[in-house]
Amino acid sequence: MNTTAHPTTAYAPRPIAPDVLARLRDTDDAGRPRVPYVDHEGGSPLRCCLRPVAPGERVALVSYAPLRRWAAETGADPGAYDEQGPVFIHADPCEGPAQERAGYPFSRAGALRTLRRYNARGQIIGGRLLEIPEDGTQGFDAAFDEAFADPETALVHVRAVEYGCFHFEVRRPA
């Protein structure tokens, strides 16, 4: 999995890790078995490869707890901030994000995103609403610059406002 910034972005949007995807393709974070189906219309955001579903692809809608997964890696304890929600993934293993993807995933001018900041202990320490501007890359870069200007910020979760869905994570650059 590529965790470095893409050539066109200042920060690295992270998909769900392959080892986590393997577990989610069996049982999701709510304890339910995955139920694959063919999406005939497409368009939903895939969190495994950070692109929209293409019509006819085999996918699954699973429950995912992103902060819990990060906390397991780092030893943090998110406590009450441990949320889970629905995400779309390929029903079978995929290649992950394209190495040469332009801009941030699911970036559509006018769409509303919440950027939630978390500290190294897994506690939420702030957030902001972002209406994605025409230049979505510049808008996200500025929002992440603002978030990481706070030395307490360890990671940022990007979520859709309409449904509250987790879209991707950005970690403090090394």
Protein backbone atom coordinates (compact mmCIF):
# COMPACT_ATOMS: atom_id res chain seq x y z
CA MET A 1 0.00 0.00 0.00
CA ASN A 2 1.36 3.40 -0.98
CA THR A 3 1.40 5.69 2.06
CA THR A 4 3.39 8.52 0.56
CA ALA A 5 1.82 11.61 -0.95
CA HIS A 6 0.77 11.32 -4.57
CA PRO A 7 2.53 13.55 -7.09
CA THR A 8 -0.47 15.88 -7.14
CA THR A 9 -1.28 15.99 -3.41
CA ALA A 10 0.65 17.23 -0.40
CA TYR A 11 -0.72 14.45 1.85
CA ALA A 12 -1.22 10.71 1.40
CA PRO A 13 -4.84 9.55 1.44
CA ARG A 14 -4.81 6.02 2.90
CA PRO A 15 -7.10 3.23 1.78
CA ILE A 16 -8.12 0.44 4.13
CA ALA A 17 -5.05 -1.76 4.61
CA PRO A 18 -4.96 -5.09 2.70
CA ASP A 19 -4.77 -7.21 5.90
CA VAL A 20 -7.82 -5.41 7.30
CA LEU A 21 -9.66 -5.86 4.00
CA ALA A 22 -8.99 -9.60 4.15
CA ARG A 23 -10.71 -9.75 7.56
CA LEU A 24 -13.57 -7.49 6.46
CA ARG A 25 -14.17 -9.76 3.48
CA ASP A 26 -14.92 -12.51 5.99
CA THR A 27 -16.56 -10.71 8.95
CA ASP A 28 -16.98 -6.97 9.28
CA ASP A 29 -16.31 -4.81 12.35
CA ALA A 30 -19.91 -5.28 13.51
CA GLY A 31 -19.45 -9.07 13.48
CA ARG A 32 -21.57 -9.67 10.36
CA PRO A 33 -20.47 -11.82 7.41
CA ARG A 34 -19.97 -9.91 4.18
CA VAL A 35 -22.66 -10.24 1.54
CA PRO A 36 -21.18 -9.68 -1.93
CA TYR A 37 -23.29 -8.42 -4.82
CA VAL A 38 -22.86 -7.03 -8.31
CA ASP A 39 -23.36 -3.25 -8.45
CA HIS A 40 -25.02 -2.68 -11.81
CA GLU A 41 -25.09 1.13 -11.51
CA GLY A 42 -21.70 1.90 -9.95
CA GLY A 43 -20.58 5.22 -8.48
CA SER A 44 -20.28 4.35 -4.79
CA PRO A 45 -16.88 5.13 -3.19
CA LEU A 46 -14.61 2.10 -2.76
CA ARG A 47 -12.36 2.39 0.32
CA CYS A 48 -10.04 -0.41 -0.81
CA CYS A 49 -8.80 1.36 -3.93
CA LEU A 50 -10.11 4.91 -3.36
CA ARG A 51 -12.15 5.18 -6.55
CA PRO A 52 -15.81 4.87 -7.50
CA VAL A 53 -17.35 1.47 -8.20
CA ALA A 54 -17.52 0.76 -11.94
CA PRO A 55 -20.87 -0.64 -13.16
CA GLY A 56 -20.86 -4.42 -13.00
CA GLU A 57 -18.21 -4.78 -10.28
CA ARG A 58 -18.63 -7.25 -7.44
CA VAL A 59 -18.61 -5.36 -4.12
CA ALA A 60 -19.70 -5.62 -0.50
CA LEU A 61 -21.03 -3.06 1.95
CA VAL A 62 -19.38 -3.75 5.31
CA SER A 63 -19.16 -2.08 8.70
CA TYR A 64 -15.74 -0.57 9.38
CA ALA A 65 -14.24 1.03 12.51
CA PRO A 66 -11.30 3.11 11.24
CA LEU A 67 -10.21 4.58 14.57
CA ARG A 68 -10.32 1.15 16.22
CA ARG A 69 -8.07 -0.26 13.51
CA TRP A 70 -5.58 2.63 13.88
CA ALA A 71 -5.65 2.27 17.68
CA ALA A 72 -4.81 -1.44 17.38
CA GLU A 73 -1.66 -0.46 15.42
CA THR A 74 -0.59 2.31 17.78
CA GLY A 75 -1.78 1.22 21.23
CA ALA A 76 -4.18 4.17 21.53
CA ASP A 77 -7.54 3.84 23.27
CA PRO A 78 -10.25 5.72 21.38
CA GLY A 79 -12.86 4.96 24.05
CA ALA A 80 -16.18 6.54 23.14
CA TYR A 81 -14.73 7.90 19.87
CA ASP A 82 -14.62 4.36 18.45
CA GLU A 83 -17.19 4.58 15.65
CA GLN A 84 -18.09 2.13 12.96
CA GLY A 85 -20.06 2.67 9.82
CA PRO A 86 -20.72 1.37 6.33
CA VAL A 87 -18.06 1.35 3.60
CA PHE A 88 -17.95 -0.18 0.14
CA ILE A 89 -15.09 -2.53 -0.70
CA HIS A 90 -14.40 -4.92 -3.55
CA ALA A 91 -15.82 -8.32 -2.63
CA ASP A 92 -12.55 -9.91 -3.75
CA PRO A 93 -8.95 -8.68 -3.41
CA CYS A 94 -8.07 -5.77 -5.69
CA GLU A 95 -4.92 -3.92 -6.69
CA GLY A 96 -5.50 -1.02 -4.30
CA PRO A 97 -5.25 2.63 -5.33
CA ALA A 98 -3.69 3.61 -8.63
CA GLN A 99 -0.19 4.98 -8.11
CA GLU A 100 -0.81 7.87 -10.51
CA ARG A 101 -4.23 9.00 -9.29
CA ALA A 102 -4.72 12.76 -9.59
CA GLY A 103 -5.96 14.64 -6.53
CA TYR A 104 -7.76 13.36 -3.47
CA PRO A 105 -10.34 10.59 -3.75
CA PHE A 106 -14.05 11.36 -3.92
CA SER A 107 -13.30 15.05 -4.43
CA ARG A 108 -16.21 16.73 -6.18
CA ALA A 109 -16.53 20.52 -6.22
CA GLY A 110 -19.34 21.62 -3.89
CA ALA A 111 -19.46 18.38 -1.89
CA LEU A 112 -19.25 18.76 1.89
CA ARG A 113 -16.68 16.87 3.92
CA THR A 114 -15.94 16.78 7.63
CA LEU A 115 -12.28 16.53 8.57
CA ARG A 116 -11.97 15.13 12.10
CA ARG A 117 -8.64 15.47 13.90
CA TYR A 118 -7.46 12.88 16.46
CA ASN A 119 -4.50 12.93 18.84
CA ALA A 120 -2.09 10.04 19.50
CA ARG A 121 -4.31 8.80 22.36
CA GLY A 122 -7.26 8.36 19.96
CA GLN A 123 -9.29 11.32 21.22
CA ILE A 124 -11.02 13.72 18.89
CA ILE A 125 -9.40 17.15 19.20
CA GLY A 126 -11.29 19.11 16.60
CA GLY A 127 -12.57 19.18 13.13
CA ARG A 128 -13.84 21.34 10.39
CA LEU A 129 -16.29 21.42 7.56
CA LEU A 130 -14.85 21.65 4.06
CA GLU A 131 -16.91 22.56 1.04
CA ILE A 132 -14.70 21.20 -1.71
CA PRO A 133 -13.69 24.09 -3.98
CA GLU A 134 -13.20 23.89 -7.76
CA ASP A 135 -9.55 23.07 -7.09
CA GLY A 136 -10.21 20.20 -4.69
CA THR A 137 -6.54 19.32 -4.28
CA GLN A 138 -5.67 22.83 -3.15
CA GLY A 139 -8.69 22.87 -0.81
CA PHE A 140 -7.77 19.58 0.84
CA ASP A 141 -4.07 20.48 1.02
CA ALA A 142 -4.94 23.72 2.85
CA ALA A 143 -7.31 21.90 5.23
CA PHE A 144 -4.67 19.28 6.05
CA ASP A 145 -2.03 21.99 6.49
CA GLU A 146 -4.36 23.61 9.03
CA ALA A 147 -5.03 20.31 10.81
CA PHE A 148 -1.37 19.31 11.09
CA ALA A 149 -0.33 22.81 12.20
CA ASP A 150 -1.60 21.59 15.59
CA PRO A 151 1.26 19.40 16.89
CA GLU A 152 -1.28 17.24 18.76
CA THR A 153 -2.92 16.06 15.52
CA ALA A 154 -1.84 12.49 14.74
CA LEU A 155 -4.36 11.71 12.01
CA VAL A 156 -7.36 13.12 10.19
CA HIS A 157 -10.44 11.23 9.05
CA VAL A 158 -12.35 12.55 6.06
CA ARG A 159 -16.07 11.81 6.06
CA ALA A 160 -19.01 12.68 3.85
CA VAL A 161 -21.46 15.04 5.52
CA GLU A 162 -24.55 13.63 3.79
CA TYR A 163 -24.23 10.11 5.15
CA GLY A 164 -21.37 10.43 7.66
CA CYS A 165 -19.44 7.77 5.75
CA PHE A 166 -15.71 7.42 6.28
CA HIS A 167 -13.88 8.22 3.03
CA PHE A 168 -10.17 8.08 3.86
CA GLU A 169 -7.52 8.77 6.47
CA VAL A 170 -4.46 11.00 6.38
CA ARG A 171 -1.72 10.53 8.97
CA ARG A 172 0.79 13.10 10.18
CA PRO A 173 3.65 13.15 7.70
CA ALA A 174 6.89 11.70 9.03
